[in-house]
Amino acid sequence: MQTMVFTGRLAADPQISPDFAKAVFRLLEKRGVDSAGKDRLVGVNCVSWSKGLNEKVITRGLVQGCEAVVIGAFIDTAYAAKDGTERTAKELVINRLTVLDWAEDRHADAGAERAAA
């Protein structure tokens, strides 16, 4: 199994199961610019099955736009599309996660509360 490393920003808020057993988010990584001068983005779907990581880090630390480094391995996942056809997608199963831009740091209120503490 090959280990992959992605650094990027979350495309949307993570989707977390009510029991914290599973967390899913999409990470976008900039890979240069195209011939028109627009950013070339690569997206990867990330999934975490670590209940502790999901509850303590992903729930509290990640929202849309946050930057993170994800290390993991790709797996193929089968699913049924809206039209009923069976499809597969690649997911990066998270082994390690480093949050570079915490959600709480994005809120001015959180910064004021830390300064008062």
PDB file of N, CA and C in Angstrom:
ATOM      1  N   MET A   1       0.844  -1.173   0.000  1.00  0.00           N
ATOM      2  CA  MET A   1       0.000   0.000   0.000  1.00  0.00           C
ATOM      3  C   MET A   1       0.894   1.243   0.000  1.00  0.00           C
ATOM      4  N   GLN A   2       0.565   2.183  -0.843  1.00  0.00           N
ATOM      5  CA  GLN A   2       1.374   3.379  -0.991  1.00  0.00           C
ATOM      6  C   GLN A   2       0.816   4.528  -0.152  1.00  0.00           C
ATOM      7  N   THR A   3       1.685   5.235   0.545  1.00  0.00           N
ATOM      8  CA  THR A   3       1.283   6.371   1.366  1.00  0.00           C
ATOM      9  C   THR A   3       1.345   7.643   0.538  1.00  0.00           C
ATOM     10  N   MET A   4       0.305   8.471   0.661  1.00  0.00           N
ATOM     11  CA  MET A   4       0.208   9.727  -0.077  1.00  0.00           C
ATOM     12  C   MET A   4       0.153  10.890   0.918  1.00  0.00           C
ATOM     13  N   VAL A   5       0.674  12.047   0.509  1.00  0.00           N
ATOM     14  CA  VAL A   5       0.630  13.251   1.328  1.00  0.00           C
ATOM     15  C   VAL A   5      -0.031  14.356   0.515  1.00  0.00           C
ATOM     16  N   PHE A   6      -1.045  14.991   1.092  1.00  0.00           N
ATOM     17  CA  PHE A   6      -1.722  16.123   0.449  1.00  0.00           C
ATOM     18  C   PHE A   6      -1.761  17.281   1.417  1.00  0.00           C
ATOM     19  N   THR A   7      -1.480  18.470   0.906  1.00  0.00           N
ATOM     20  CA  THR A   7      -1.622  19.701   1.662  1.00  0.00           C
ATOM     21  C   THR A   7      -2.602  20.571   0.893  1.00  0.00           C
ATOM     22  N   GLY A   8      -3.631  21.035   1.572  1.00  0.00           N
ATOM     23  CA  GLY A   8      -4.613  21.854   0.885  1.00  0.00           C
ATOM     24  C   GLY A   8      -5.640  22.430   1.839  1.00  0.00           C
ATOM     25  N   ARG A   9      -6.671  23.002   1.262  1.00  0.00           N
ATOM     26  CA  ARG A   9      -7.749  23.629   2.044  1.00  0.00           C
ATOM     27  C   ARG A   9      -9.042  22.856   1.849  1.00  0.00           C
ATOM     28  N   LEU A  10      -9.876  22.820   2.881  1.00  0.00           N
ATOM     29  CA  LEU A  10     -11.141  22.117   2.820  1.00  0.00           C
ATOM     30  C   LEU A  10     -12.112  22.835   1.888  1.00  0.00           C
ATOM     31  N   ALA A  11     -12.736  22.075   0.995  1.00  0.00           N
ATOM     32  CA  ALA A  11     -13.700  22.628   0.051  1.00  0.00           C
ATOM     33  C   ALA A  11     -15.020  22.959   0.737  1.00  0.00           C
ATOM     34  N   ALA A  12     -15.344  22.262   1.814  1.00  0.00           N
ATOM     35  CA  ALA A  12     -16.586  22.461   2.565  1.00  0.00           C
ATOM     36  C   ALA A  12     -16.361  21.962   3.986  1.00  0.00           C
ATOM     37  N   ASP A  13     -17.304  22.244   4.865  1.00  0.00           N
ATOM     38  CA  ASP A  13     -17.213  21.731   6.232  1.00  0.00           C
ATOM     39  C   ASP A  13     -17.219  20.203   6.208  1.00  0.00           C
ATOM     40  N   PRO A  14     -16.489  19.559   7.129  1.00  0.00           N
ATOM     41  CA  PRO A  14     -16.483  18.098   7.172  1.00  0.00           C
ATOM     42  C   PRO A  14     -17.869  17.543   7.504  1.00  0.00           C
ATOM     43  N   GLN A  15     -18.161  16.369   6.982  1.00  0.00           N
ATOM     44  CA  GLN A  15     -19.376  15.641   7.334  1.00  0.00           C
ATOM     45  C   GLN A  15     -18.972  14.587   8.347  1.00  0.00           C
ATOM     46  N   ILE A  16     -19.568  14.667   9.540  1.00  0.00           N
ATOM     47  CA  ILE A  16     -19.179  13.782  10.630  1.00  0.00           C
ATOM     48  C   ILE A  16     -20.408  13.037  11.126  1.00  0.00           C
ATOM     49  N   SER A  17     -20.281  11.718  11.281  1.00  0.00           N
ATOM     50  CA  SER A  17     -21.410  10.921  11.759  1.00  0.00           C
ATOM     51  C   SER A  17     -21.720  11.301  13.211  1.00  0.00           C
ATOM     52  N   PRO A  18     -22.978  11.136  13.635  1.00  0.00           N
ATOM     53  CA  PRO A  18     -23.375  11.538  14.987  1.00  0.00           C
ATOM     54  C   PRO A  18     -22.566  10.852  16.102  1.00  0.00           C
ATOM     55  N   ASP A  19     -22.094   9.637  15.854  1.00  0.00           N
ATOM     56  CA  ASP A  19     -21.308   8.925  16.873  1.00  0.00           C
ATOM     57  C   ASP A  19     -19.800   9.129  16.699  1.00  0.00           C
ATOM     58  N   PHE A  20     -19.405  10.029  15.799  1.00  0.00           N
ATOM     59  CA  PHE A  20     -18.010  10.368  15.504  1.00  0.00           C
ATOM     60  C   PHE A  20     -17.212   9.213  14.898  1.00  0.00           C
ATOM     61  N   ALA A  21     -17.882   8.172  14.430  1.00  0.00           N
ATOM     62  CA  ALA A  21     -17.183   7.005  13.883  1.00  0.00           C
ATOM     63  C   ALA A  21     -16.564   7.285  12.520  1.00  0.00           C
ATOM     64  N   LYS A  22     -17.143   8.225  11.763  1.00  0.00           N
ATOM     65  CA  LYS A  22     -16.646   8.510  10.420  1.00  0.00           C
ATOM     66  C   LYS A  22     -16.688  10.007  10.157  1.00  0.00           C
ATOM     67  N   ALA A  23     -15.628  10.510   9.541  1.00  0.00           N
ATOM     68  CA  ALA A  23     -15.577  11.910   9.098  1.00  0.00           C
ATOM     69  C   ALA A  23     -15.109  11.925   7.654  1.00  0.00           C
ATOM     70  N   VAL A  24     -15.752  12.773   6.852  1.00  0.00           N
ATOM     71  CA  VAL A  24     -15.422  12.870   5.427  1.00  0.00           C
ATOM     72  C   VAL A  24     -15.285  14.346   5.068  1.00  0.00           C
ATOM     73  N   PHE A  25     -14.247  14.667   4.307  1.00  0.00           N
ATOM     74  CA  PHE A  25     -14.107  16.019   3.779  1.00  0.00           C
ATOM     75  C   PHE A  25     -13.309  15.973   2.487  1.00  0.00           C
ATOM     76  N   ARG A  26     -13.424  17.038   1.707  1.00  0.00           N
ATOM     77  CA  ARG A  26     -12.700  17.151   0.436  1.00  0.00           C
ATOM     78  C   ARG A  26     -11.601  18.184   0.600  1.00  0.00           C
ATOM     79  N   LEU A  27     -10.399  17.797   0.252  1.00  0.00           N
ATOM     80  CA  LEU A  27      -9.237  18.666   0.348  1.00  0.00           C
ATOM     81  C   LEU A  27      -8.841  19.105  -1.055  1.00  0.00           C
ATOM     82  N   LEU A  28      -8.665  20.417  -1.249  1.00  0.00           N
ATOM     83  CA  LEU A  28      -8.256  20.963  -2.542  1.00  0.00           C
ATOM     84  C   LEU A  28      -6.810  21.430  -2.459  1.00  0.00           C
ATOM     85  N   GLU A  29      -6.012  20.983  -3.413  1.00  0.00           N
ATOM     86  CA  GLU A  29      -4.590  21.327  -3.447  1.00  0.00           C
ATOM     87  C   GLU A  29      -4.305  22.068  -4.749  1.00  0.00           C
ATOM     88  N   LYS A  30      -3.632  23.200  -4.652  1.00  0.00           N
ATOM     89  CA  LYS A  30      -3.272  23.976  -5.834  1.00  0.00           C
ATOM     90  C   LYS A  30      -2.052  23.337  -6.495  1.00  0.00           C
ATOM     91  N   ARG A  31      -2.173  23.110  -7.800  1.00  0.00           N
ATOM     92  CA  ARG A  31      -1.089  22.505  -8.579  1.00  0.00           C
ATOM     93  C   ARG A  31      -0.738  23.403  -9.748  1.00  0.00           C
ATOM     94  N   GLY A  32      -0.298  24.617  -9.452  1.00  0.00           N
ATOM     95  CA  GLY A  32       0.124  25.529 -10.506  1.00  0.00           C
ATOM     96  C   GLY A  32      -1.039  26.246 -11.166  1.00  0.00           C
ATOM     97  N   VAL A  33      -0.799  26.730 -12.375  1.00  0.00           N
ATOM     98  CA  VAL A  33      -1.824  27.450 -13.132  1.00  0.00           C
ATOM     99  C   VAL A  33      -1.920  26.858 -14.531  1.00  0.00           C
ATOM    100  N   ASP A  34      -3.102  27.021 -15.150  1.00  0.00           N
ATOM    101  CA  ASP A  34      -3.281  26.523 -16.514  1.00  0.00           C
ATOM    102  C   ASP A  34      -2.850  27.589 -17.517  1.00  0.00           C
ATOM    103  N   SER A  35      -3.031  27.320 -18.805  1.00  0.00           N
ATOM    104  CA  SER A  35      -2.588  28.247 -19.850  1.00  0.00           C
ATOM    105  C   SER A  35      -3.344  29.574 -19.826  1.00  0.00           C
ATOM    106  N   ALA A  36      -4.532  29.598 -19.210  1.00  0.00           N
ATOM    107  CA  ALA A  36      -5.314  30.833 -19.107  1.00  0.00           C
ATOM    108  C   ALA A  36      -4.957  31.622 -17.840  1.00  0.00           C
ATOM    109  N   GLY A  37      -4.035  31.090 -17.036  1.00  0.00           N
ATOM    110  CA  GLY A  37      -3.621  31.776 -15.819  1.00  0.00           C
ATOM    111  C   GLY A  37      -4.494  31.481 -14.609  1.00  0.00           C
ATOM    112  N   LYS A  38      -5.426  30.541 -14.738  1.00  0.00           N
ATOM    113  CA  LYS A  38      -6.295  30.171 -13.617  1.00  0.00           C
ATOM    114  C   LYS A  38      -5.628  29.076 -12.791  1.00  0.00           C
ATOM    115  N   ASP A  39      -5.938  29.095 -11.480  1.00  0.00           N
ATOM    116  CA  ASP A  39      -5.397  28.060 -10.597  1.00  0.00           C
ATOM    117  C   ASP A  39      -5.853  26.678 -11.057  1.00  0.00           C
ATOM    118  N   ARG A  40      -4.924  25.735 -11.048  1.00  0.00           N
ATOM    119  CA  ARG A  40      -5.251  24.344 -11.344  1.00  0.00           C
ATOM    120  C   ARG A  40      -5.375  23.635  -9.997  1.00  0.00           C
ATOM    121  N   LEU A  41      -6.586  23.170  -9.685  1.00  0.00           N
ATOM    122  CA  LEU A  41      -6.848  22.538  -8.399  1.00  0.00           C
ATOM    123  C   LEU A  41      -7.047  21.037  -8.555  1.00  0.00           C
ATOM    124  N   VAL A  42      -6.521  20.289  -7.591  1.00  0.00           N
ATOM    125  CA  VAL A  42      -6.728  18.852  -7.517  1.00  0.00           C
ATOM    126  C   VAL A  42      -7.495  18.594  -6.232  1.00  0.00           C
ATOM    127  N   GLY A  43      -8.581  17.839  -6.310  1.00  0.00           N
ATOM    128  CA  GLY A  43      -9.377  17.533  -5.132  1.00  0.00           C
ATOM    129  C   GLY A  43      -9.251  16.076  -4.758  1.00  0.00           C
ATOM    130  N   VAL A  44      -9.237  15.818  -3.462  1.00  0.00           N
ATOM    131  CA  VAL A  44      -9.185  14.444  -2.981  1.00  0.00           C
ATOM    132  C   VAL A  44     -10.179  14.310  -1.828  1.00  0.00           C
ATOM    133  N   ASN A  45     -10.974  13.229  -1.882  1.00  0.00           N
ATOM    134  CA  ASN A  45     -11.906  12.939  -0.802  1.00  0.00           C
ATOM    135  C   ASN A  45     -11.158  12.211   0.305  1.00  0.00           C
ATOM    136  N   CYS A  46     -11.246  12.737   1.517  1.00  0.00           N
ATOM    137  CA  CYS A  46     -10.555  12.160   2.659  1.00  0.00           C
ATOM    138  C   CYS A  46     -11.580  11.569   3.622  1.00  0.00           C
ATOM    139  N   VAL A  47     -11.253  10.429   4.221  1.00  0.00           N
ATOM    140  CA  VAL A  47     -12.144   9.797   5.190  1.00  0.00           C
ATOM    141  C   VAL A  47     -11.326   9.364   6.403  1.00  0.00           C
ATOM    142  N   SER A  48     -11.881   9.609   7.574  1.00  0.00           N
ATOM    143  CA  SER A  48     -11.252   9.189   8.821  1.00  0.00           C
ATOM    144  C   SER A  48     -12.198   8.247   9.550  1.00  0.00           C
ATOM    145  N   TRP A  49     -11.664   7.131   9.995  1.00  0.00           N
ATOM    146  CA  TRP A  49     -12.421   6.152  10.781  1.00  0.00           C
ATOM    147  C   TRP A  49     -11.983   6.182  12.236  1.00  0.00           C
ATOM    148  N   SER A  50     -11.174   7.159  12.609  1.00  0.00           N
ATOM    149  CA  SER A  50     -10.656   7.265  13.974  1.00  0.00           C
ATOM    150  C   SER A  50     -11.588   8.135  14.819  1.00  0.00           C
ATOM    151  N   LYS A  51     -12.334   7.499  15.699  1.00  0.00           N
ATOM    152  CA  LYS A  51     -13.333   8.201  16.505  1.00  0.00           C
ATOM    153  C   LYS A  51     -12.707   9.339  17.313  1.00  0.00           C
ATOM    154  N   GLY A  52     -11.555   9.102  17.913  1.00  0.00           N
ATOM    155  CA  GLY A  52     -10.884  10.142  18.701  1.00  0.00           C
ATOM    156  C   GLY A  52     -10.458  11.327  17.847  1.00  0.00           C
ATOM    157  N   LEU A  53      -9.870  11.052  16.695  1.00  0.00           N
ATOM    158  CA  LEU A  53      -9.450  12.114  15.781  1.00  0.00           C
ATOM    159  C   LEU A  53     -10.667  12.902  15.297  1.00  0.00           C
ATOM    160  N   ASN A  54     -11.727  12.198  14.963  1.00  0.00           N
ATOM    161  CA  ASN A  54     -12.931  12.860  14.463  1.00  0.00           C
ATOM    162  C   ASN A  54     -13.541  13.784  15.511  1.00  0.00           C
ATOM    163  N   GLU A  55     -13.621  13.302  16.742  1.00  0.00           N
ATOM    164  CA  GLU A  55     -14.261  14.069  17.809  1.00  0.00           C
ATOM    165  C   GLU A  55     -13.380  15.211  18.311  1.00  0.00           C
ATOM    166  N   LYS A  56     -12.097  14.949  18.507  1.00  0.00           N
ATOM    167  CA  LYS A  56     -11.223  15.935  19.156  1.00  0.00           C
ATOM    168  C   LYS A  56     -10.563  16.917  18.199  1.00  0.00           C
ATOM    169  N   VAL A  57     -10.348  16.514  16.950  1.00  0.00           N
ATOM    170  CA  VAL A  57      -9.626  17.380  16.020  1.00  0.00           C
ATOM    171  C   VAL A  57     -10.510  17.850  14.867  1.00  0.00           C
ATOM    172  N   ILE A  58     -11.083  16.915  14.137  1.00  0.00           N
ATOM    173  CA  ILE A  58     -11.819  17.302  12.934  1.00  0.00           C
ATOM    174  C   ILE A  58     -13.054  18.125  13.280  1.00  0.00           C
ATOM    175  N   THR A  59     -13.825  17.702  14.279  1.00  0.00           N
ATOM    176  CA  THR A  59     -15.032  18.440  14.667  1.00  0.00           C
ATOM    177  C   THR A  59     -14.707  19.847  15.151  1.00  0.00           C
ATOM    178  N   ARG A  60     -13.678  19.968  15.952  1.00  0.00           N
ATOM    179  CA  ARG A  60     -13.329  21.252  16.566  1.00  0.00           C
ATOM    180  C   ARG A  60     -12.414  22.106  15.702  1.00  0.00           C
ATOM    181  N   GLY A  61     -11.599  21.471  14.865  1.00  0.00           N
ATOM    182  CA  GLY A  61     -10.542  22.210  14.205  1.00  0.00           C
ATOM    183  C   GLY A  61     -10.710  22.524  12.734  1.00  0.00           C
ATOM    184  N   LEU A  62     -11.655  21.862  12.064  1.00  0.00           N
ATOM    185  CA  LEU A  62     -11.742  22.039  10.620  1.00  0.00           C
ATOM    186  C   LEU A  62     -13.096  22.562  10.172  1.00  0.00           C
ATOM    187  N   VAL A  63     -13.055  23.569   9.322  1.00  0.00           N
ATOM    188  CA  VAL A  63     -14.229  24.088   8.621  1.00  0.00           C
ATOM    189  C   VAL A  63     -13.778  24.425   7.201  1.00  0.00           C
ATOM    190  N   GLN A  64     -14.721  24.781   6.359  1.00  0.00           N
ATOM    191  CA  GLN A  64     -14.394  25.149   4.986  1.00  0.00           C
ATOM    192  C   GLN A  64     -13.295  26.205   4.966  1.00  0.00           C
ATOM    193  N   GLY A  65     -12.278  25.986   4.138  1.00  0.00           N
ATOM    194  CA  GLY A  65     -11.197  26.947   3.984  1.00  0.00           C
ATOM    195  C   GLY A  65      -9.990  26.689   4.861  1.00  0.00           C
ATOM    196  N   CYS A  66     -10.126  25.862   5.901  1.00  0.00           N
ATOM    197  CA  CYS A  66      -8.980  25.557   6.763  1.00  0.00           C
ATOM    198  C   CYS A  66      -7.940  24.774   5.975  1.00  0.00           C
ATOM    199  N   GLU A  67      -6.677  24.987   6.328  1.00  0.00           N
ATOM    200  CA  GLU A  67      -5.586  24.291   5.654  1.00  0.00           C
ATOM    201  C   GLU A  67      -5.120  23.118   6.500  1.00  0.00           C
ATOM    202  N   ALA A  68      -4.834  21.989   5.841  1.00  0.00           N
ATOM    203  CA  ALA A  68      -4.412  20.792   6.559  1.00  0.00           C
ATOM    204  C   ALA A  68      -3.447  19.975   5.708  1.00  0.00           C
ATOM    205  N   VAL A  69      -2.667  19.143   6.391  1.00  0.00           N
ATOM    206  CA  VAL A  69      -1.809  18.156   5.747  1.00  0.00           C
ATOM    207  C   VAL A  69      -2.375  16.790   6.114  1.00  0.00           C
ATOM    208  N   VAL A  70      -2.657  15.974   5.103  1.00  0.00           N
ATOM    209  CA  VAL A  70      -3.235  14.653   5.312  1.00  0.00           C
ATOM    210  C   VAL A  70      -2.290  13.611   4.745  1.00  0.00           C
ATOM    211  N   ILE A  71      -1.991  12.592   5.545  1.00  0.00           N
ATOM    212  CA  ILE A  71      -1.175  11.463   5.111  1.00  0.00           C
ATOM    213  C   ILE A  71      -2.055  10.228   5.211  1.00  0.00           C
ATOM    214  N   GLY A  72      -2.091   9.448   4.138  1.00  0.00           N
ATOM    215  CA  GLY A  72      -2.934   8.263   4.160  1.00  0.00           C
ATOM    216  C   GLY A  72      -2.723   7.397   2.938  1.00  0.00           C
ATOM    217  N   ALA A  73      -3.634   6.446   2.756  1.00  0.00           N
ATOM    218  CA  ALA A  73      -3.564   5.509   1.643  1.00  0.00           C
ATOM    219  C   ALA A  73      -4.877   5.550   0.866  1.00  0.00           C
ATOM    220  N   PHE A  74      -4.780   5.437  -0.454  1.00  0.00           N
ATOM    221  CA  PHE A  74      -5.976   5.433  -1.289  1.00  0.00           C
ATOM    222  C   PHE A  74      -6.660   4.067  -1.267  1.00  0.00           C
ATOM    223  N   ILE A  75      -7.986   4.091  -1.238  1.00  0.00           N
ATOM    224  CA  ILE A  75      -8.788   2.889  -1.403  1.00  0.00           C
ATOM    225  C   ILE A  75      -9.869   3.195  -2.435  1.00  0.00           C
ATOM    226  N   ASP A  76     -10.372   2.169  -3.087  1.00  0.00           N
ATOM    227  CA  ASP A  76     -11.495   2.315  -4.005  1.00  0.00           C
ATOM    228  C   ASP A  76     -12.775   2.010  -3.235  1.00  0.00           C
ATOM    229  N   THR A  77     -13.771   2.879  -3.382  1.00  0.00           N
ATOM    230  CA  THR A  77     -15.054   2.714  -2.716  1.00  0.00           C
ATOM    231  C   THR A  77     -16.150   2.629  -3.770  1.00  0.00           C
ATOM    232  N   ALA A  78     -17.027   1.630  -3.645  1.00  0.00           N
ATOM    233  CA  ALA A  78     -18.152   1.484  -4.572  1.00  0.00           C
ATOM    234  C   ALA A  78     -19.364   2.210  -3.996  1.00  0.00           C
ATOM    235  N   TYR A  79     -20.142   2.830  -4.888  1.00  0.00           N
ATOM    236  CA  TYR A  79     -21.367   3.508  -4.469  1.00  0.00           C
ATOM    237  C   TYR A  79     -22.353   3.518  -5.625  1.00  0.00           C
ATOM    238  N   ALA A  80     -23.637   3.762  -5.291  1.00  0.00           N
ATOM    239  CA  ALA A  80     -24.682   3.855  -6.316  1.00  0.00           C
ATOM    240  C   ALA A  80     -24.901   5.322  -6.649  1.00  0.00           C
ATOM    241  N   ALA A  81     -24.789   5.671  -7.916  1.00  0.00           N
ATOM    242  CA  ALA A  81     -25.004   7.050  -8.374  1.00  0.00           C
ATOM    243  C   ALA A  81     -26.498   7.377  -8.353  1.00  0.00           C
ATOM    244  N   LYS A  82     -26.817   8.647  -8.521  1.00  0.00           N
ATOM    245  CA  LYS A  82     -28.223   9.085  -8.515  1.00  0.00           C
ATOM    246  C   LYS A  82     -29.039   8.401  -9.605  1.00  0.00           C
ATOM    247  N   ASP A  83     -28.385   8.087 -10.725  1.00  0.00           N
ATOM    248  CA  ASP A  83     -29.105   7.423 -11.816  1.00  0.00           C
ATOM    249  C   ASP A  83     -29.202   5.912 -11.621  1.00  0.00           C
ATOM    250  N   GLY A  84     -28.701   5.401 -10.488  1.00  0.00           N
ATOM    251  CA  GLY A  84     -28.804   3.982 -10.169  1.00  0.00           C
ATOM    252  C   GLY A  84     -27.629   3.137 -10.605  1.00  0.00           C
ATOM    253  N   THR A  85     -26.697   3.699 -11.349  1.00  0.00           N
ATOM    254  CA  THR A  85     -25.537   2.932 -11.801  1.00  0.00           C
ATOM    255  C   THR A  85     -24.520   2.796 -10.665  1.00  0.00           C
ATOM    256  N   GLU A  86     -23.804   1.695 -10.715  1.00  0.00           N
ATOM    257  CA  GLU A  86     -22.750   1.456  -9.736  1.00  0.00           C
ATOM    258  C   GLU A  86     -21.476   2.149 -10.195  1.00  0.00           C
ATOM    259  N   ARG A  87     -20.825   2.843  -9.288  1.00  0.00           N
ATOM    260  CA  ARG A  87     -19.575   3.545  -9.598  1.00  0.00           C
ATOM    261  C   ARG A  87     -18.559   3.314  -8.492  1.00  0.00           C
ATOM    262  N   THR A  88     -17.324   3.676  -8.798  1.00  0.00           N
ATOM    263  CA  THR A  88     -16.274   3.621  -7.786  1.00  0.00           C
ATOM    264  C   THR A  88     -15.603   4.983  -7.690  1.00  0.00           C
ATOM    265  N   ALA A  89     -15.071   5.259  -6.533  1.00  0.00           N
ATOM    266  CA  ALA A  89     -14.342   6.500  -6.311  1.00  0.00           C
ATOM    267  C   ALA A  89     -13.138   6.190  -5.428  1.00  0.00           C
ATOM    268  N   LYS A  90     -12.128   7.007  -5.558  1.00  0.00           N
ATOM    269  CA  LYS A  90     -10.956   6.867  -4.693  1.00  0.00           C
ATOM    270  C   LYS A  90     -11.137   7.748  -3.465  1.00  0.00           C
ATOM    271  N   GLU A  91     -10.789   7.219  -2.300  1.00  0.00           N
ATOM    272  CA  GLU A  91     -10.798   7.974  -1.053  1.00  0.00           C
ATOM    273  C   GLU A  91      -9.438   7.828  -0.394  1.00  0.00           C
ATOM    274  N   LEU A  92      -8.988   8.890   0.230  1.00  0.00           N
ATOM    275  CA  LEU A  92      -7.746   8.840   0.986  1.00  0.00           C
ATOM    276  C   LEU A  92      -8.108   8.558   2.435  1.00  0.00           C
ATOM    277  N   VAL A  93      -7.765   7.372   2.925  1.00  0.00           N
ATOM    278  CA  VAL A  93      -8.031   7.013   4.314  1.00  0.00           C
ATOM    279  C   VAL A  93      -6.917   7.623   5.164  1.00  0.00           C
ATOM    280  N   ILE A  94      -7.318   8.468   6.094  1.00  0.00           N
ATOM    281  CA  ILE A  94      -6.369   9.259   6.874  1.00  0.00           C
ATOM    282  C   ILE A  94      -5.638   8.399   7.903  1.00  0.00           C
ATOM    283  N   ASN A  95      -4.307   8.461   7.855  1.00  0.00           N
ATOM    284  CA  ASN A  95      -3.454   7.864   8.876  1.00  0.00           C
ATOM    285  C   ASN A  95      -2.951   8.941   9.835  1.00  0.00           C
ATOM    286  N   ARG A  96      -2.644  10.111   9.280  1.00  0.00           N
ATOM    287  CA  ARG A  96      -2.163  11.248  10.071  1.00  0.00           C
ATOM    288  C   ARG A  96      -2.767  12.522   9.523  1.00  0.00           C
ATOM    289  N   LEU A  97      -3.042  13.464  10.421  1.00  0.00           N
ATOM    290  CA  LEU A  97      -3.634  14.741  10.042  1.00  0.00           C
ATOM    291  C   LEU A  97      -2.955  15.839  10.840  1.00  0.00           C
ATOM    292  N   THR A  98      -2.501  16.857  10.144  1.00  0.00           N
ATOM    293  CA  THR A  98      -1.946  18.046  10.791  1.00  0.00           C
ATOM    294  C   THR A  98      -2.764  19.242  10.331  1.00  0.00           C
ATOM    295  N   VAL A  99      -3.364  19.951  11.288  1.00  0.00           N
ATOM    296  CA  VAL A  99      -4.166  21.127  10.964  1.00  0.00           C
ATOM    297  C   VAL A  99      -3.239  22.340  10.982  1.00  0.00           C
ATOM    298  N   LEU A 100      -3.165  23.053   9.869  1.00  0.00           N
ATOM    299  CA  LEU A 100      -2.298  24.228   9.758  1.00  0.00           C
ATOM    300  C   LEU A 100      -3.043  25.524  10.042  1.00  0.00           C
ATOM    301  N   ASP A 101      -4.344  25.503   9.851  1.00  0.00           N
ATOM    302  CA  ASP A 101      -5.168  26.703   9.990  1.00  0.00           C
ATOM    303  C   ASP A 101      -6.436  26.301  10.743  1.00  0.00           C
ATOM    304  N   TRP A 102      -6.392  26.362  12.083  1.00  0.00           N
ATOM    305  CA  TRP A 102      -7.491  25.896  12.927  1.00  0.00           C
ATOM    306  C   TRP A 102      -8.739  26.745  12.740  1.00  0.00           C
ATOM    307  N   ALA A 103      -9.893  26.108  12.804  1.00  0.00           N
ATOM    308  CA  ALA A 103     -11.189  26.788  12.655  1.00  0.00           C
ATOM    309  C   ALA A 103     -11.345  27.885  13.700  1.00  0.00           C
ATOM    310  N   GLU A 104     -10.951  27.605  14.921  1.00  0.00           N
ATOM    311  CA  GLU A 104     -11.131  28.605  15.985  1.00  0.00           C
ATOM    312  C   GLU A 104     -10.263  29.830  15.748  1.00  0.00           C
ATOM    313  N   ASP A 105      -9.164  29.679  15.033  1.00  0.00           N
ATOM    314  CA  ASP A 105      -8.315  30.828  14.714  1.00  0.00           C
ATOM    315  C   ASP A 105      -8.950  31.732  13.663  1.00  0.00           C
ATOM    316  N   ARG A 106      -9.972  31.225  12.976  1.00  0.00           N
ATOM    317  CA  ARG A 106     -10.632  31.999  11.937  1.00  0.00           C
ATOM    318  C   ARG A 106     -11.663  32.966  12.500  1.00  0.00           C
ATOM    319  N   HIS A 107     -12.005  32.799  13.757  1.00  0.00           N
ATOM    320  CA  HIS A 107     -13.028  33.643  14.369  1.00  0.00           C
ATOM    321  C   HIS A 107     -12.370  34.703  15.247  1.00  0.00           C
ATOM    322  N   ALA A 108     -12.703  35.939  15.032  1.00  0.00           N
ATOM    323  CA  ALA A 108     -12.128  37.036  15.817  1.00  0.00           C
ATOM    324  C   ALA A 108     -12.477  36.895  17.291  1.00  0.00           C
ATOM    325  N   ASP A 109     -13.651  36.376  17.589  1.00  0.00           N
ATOM    326  CA  ASP A 109     -14.068  36.206  18.981  1.00  0.00           C
ATOM    327  C   ASP A 109     -13.139  35.259  19.719  1.00  0.00           C
ATOM    328  N   ALA A 110     -12.714  34.193  19.047  1.00  0.00           N
ATOM    329  CA  ALA A 110     -11.831  33.231  19.683  1.00  0.00           C
ATOM    330  C   ALA A 110     -10.506  33.879  20.024  1.00  0.00           C
ATOM    331  N   GLY A 111     -10.005  34.741  19.147  1.00  0.00           N
ATOM    332  CA  GLY A 111      -8.740  35.424  19.430  1.00  0.00           C
ATOM    333  C   GLY A 111      -8.863  36.355  20.620  1.00  0.00           C
ATOM    334  N   ALA A 112      -9.974  37.032  20.739  1.00  0.00           N
ATOM    335  CA  ALA A 112     -10.189  37.930  21.868  1.00  0.00           C
ATOM    336  C   ALA A 112     -10.295  37.143  23.177  1.00  0.00           C
ATOM    337  N   GLU A 113     -10.949  36.000  23.131  1.00  0.00           N
ATOM    338  CA  GLU A 113     -11.094  35.177  24.336  1.00  0.00           C
ATOM    339  C   GLU A 113      -9.733  34.655  24.801  1.00  0.00           C
ATOM    340  N   ARG A 114      -8.882  34.241  23.851  1.00  0.00           N
ATOM    341  CA  ARG A 114      -7.555  33.749  24.232  1.00  0.00           C
ATOM    342  C   ARG A 114      -6.705  34.865  24.830  1.00  0.00           C
ATOM    343  N   ALA A 115      -6.823  36.065  24.298  1.00  0.00           N
ATOM    344  CA  ALA A 115      -6.031  37.191  24.806  1.00  0.00           C
ATOM    345  C   ALA A 115      -6.454  37.546  26.225  1.00  0.00           C
ATOM    346  N   ALA A 116      -7.749  37.368  26.535  1.00  0.00           N
ATOM    347  CA  ALA A 116      -8.254  37.692  27.866  1.00  0.00           C
ATOM    348  C   ALA A 116      -7.866  36.623  28.886  1.00  0.00           C
ATOM    349  N   ALA A 117      -7.606  35.405  28.413  1.00  0.00           N
ATOM    350  CA  ALA A 117      -7.318  34.291  29.335  1.00  0.00           C
ATOM    351  C   ALA A 117      -5.942  34.332  29.901  1.00  0.00           C
TER     352      ALA A 117
END
